Every structure is written in C-alpha cells, then in structure tokens.
C-alpha cells in the first residue's frame, strides 16, 4: 500500500495526468472561497451598510486571534493523532517532525499582542509607554490574557522537553482562558456560553490540527499498511467532532441571535454576515469530509481519500481565519 493512487485501468491516461479528484476538490474550494470572499477580506466590507462602527485595530486583532487559534490547533492535533497511532497494531514508530514548538512561539507572540491591547484599555497601543502591564493583574480580561501568554510559553517548553505530552495541560489552560474571555460576566448566563465555547474550540482544534497531522503522517508512512487504518480511525472520530462543533456553534449563535431575528441579522450585521460565510464554508468542509470518507470505504486504493482531505485542510484554514475575524466584530445583541 502506497500513498500514490494506483494507475487507472482505463485507456488513454497519460503519464502526467492528474487525479480527477484533485481537480474537483480544487474547484469546490475555489467556489466556496469566492462565496465567502467579501466578509473574509476584513471588517470594513463586513461592516459596510450596517450602521455599526469599526473599533480601532479590528483587523489586527482578527489576525492575532487567527494566529492564536491556528497555534492551538497544531499541537493539539499532534497529540491527538499520536494517541490514535499508538492504538494501531503494526504502526511504524516514525513520526513527522513536530511543529508544536513553532506553533507555541507563534501563539505566544499572538497572545502577547492581544494582552498589550487589553493593557491599554482594549485600544491598540501607539507605543510601549501606553501599555500598563501592571494593570493586567487588576482586571478579569487582563488575567485571562496573561494566562494565555504563560500557557503558550509553558507549552513551548514542554514541546521541546523529553516529555512533549505534558503540553496538553498548558494548552488546556489556554482553551479555558479563551472560553472565559469570550463571555464576560455581564453577559446573560456566561458560564453556559463559556461551556459551549470550550467544547467548540476543543473539538475544532482536534479536527483541524488532527487532519493536518494525519496527512503529514501518511507521507511519512509511505509504504505502511497502517496508513489507511489511521485515516479511517481519524475519520470516525472526526464525525463525532463535527457533530459537537455544529451543535455548540448553533447554540452559541442562538444565544446572540434569537430565532426571530436570525434572518435579518445574517444580512444586516457584520457579525451575521461573517457567521453566514463561516456556515457556507463549514457546509463545504462537511461535504469534503463526506467525500473523503466515501472514497476511504469504496475506492480500490483507500488513500485516494487524501485528495479531498487536502482540500478539506485548506478550507479549514479559511474557517480559522473567518473565526478570528468573527471574534473581533461587534456582537449584534448586547446582553
């Protein structure tokens, strides 16, 4: 069993012919990105015509949160897939080079940038003089921001140690801090909102980071028969993750947009527009995941599922960017 798809048995296939699945996956991805292009470009297009004011530094904050979410996904996915691989009989000991130290460094920089914003009263600092580091300890948001900074620092140290599995604890602390930050105490039932965000962010990190590391592992295990087994095991877990992500995402949206106002807010508010773009992307990602699973179970070479899986990773990267933008936009309803 190899990672390359076996030659087609039909006549007329050239030596350099590309698998048709790759072209179809690329076409689906291009269409989805075009559908969500305007909201993804940044806060200004999403806010246009809504009557909502753009907060200072919204674009930069969206970028920092995108980096933070991606930095969470990479190490969480590696830990998750390594655990799955250990349960497979005959799995090769080789693993791809870990990207966790680099992800921790990127997450540390992003968390530090977000903490500097909190330290200046949620404004973008003009210079280092404007940053009140001591003030971070006197507010809830400041303490959570510091927890995220320290969490990524500890995760990086663990990733470069002899026991990289220990990074699960500082990464968990970052996820908890992010879930609490997203729902201030002035919000209606903040603990419920934080619980939904906790599950949503955890499952999303496992899904995005896990799929990326599975594909990297399959390239390392080129001739190993355990490759299709690992992909199949991940696909079964990913189905449960998708269900949890969908349920918590819908629950969180309904808390901010009651059922009677959803139709209007999806088109009349920046938050609703970007949320709609995220929904479109998630539908496409789910279709790609289903396509990969069908190929995995029915194709002569199960690793033919890698083509839609690669497109799925690319689409999930766009979803992460949209999620980062969503956290920086004004919530349509203030509790």
Foldseek 3Di string as FASTA:
>chain_A
DFLDDDDDPDPDDDPPDDDPLLVVLVVLLVVLCVVQVQLLVALPSLAPQQPDDAAAPLRVQLVLQLLLLLLLLQVLQVLLLVVLQVPDPPRDPDFPDGCNLVSLVSNLVSLVQCLQCVQQVNHRDPDPVSGDLVCLVVDLLSVLSVLSNVLSVVLNVLCPDPHNVVNVVSSLSNLLSVLQNLFDPQADPSVVSSVLSSLLSSLLSNLLNNLVRLLRRSVVVGPDPCSLVSVLVSLVVNVVSLVSNVVSVVVNVCSLAPPVRLVVCLRNHSLNVLVVSLVSLSVSLVVLSVVLNCCLPPPPDNSVSVSSSVSSSVSSSSSSSSVSSSSSGDRPDGD
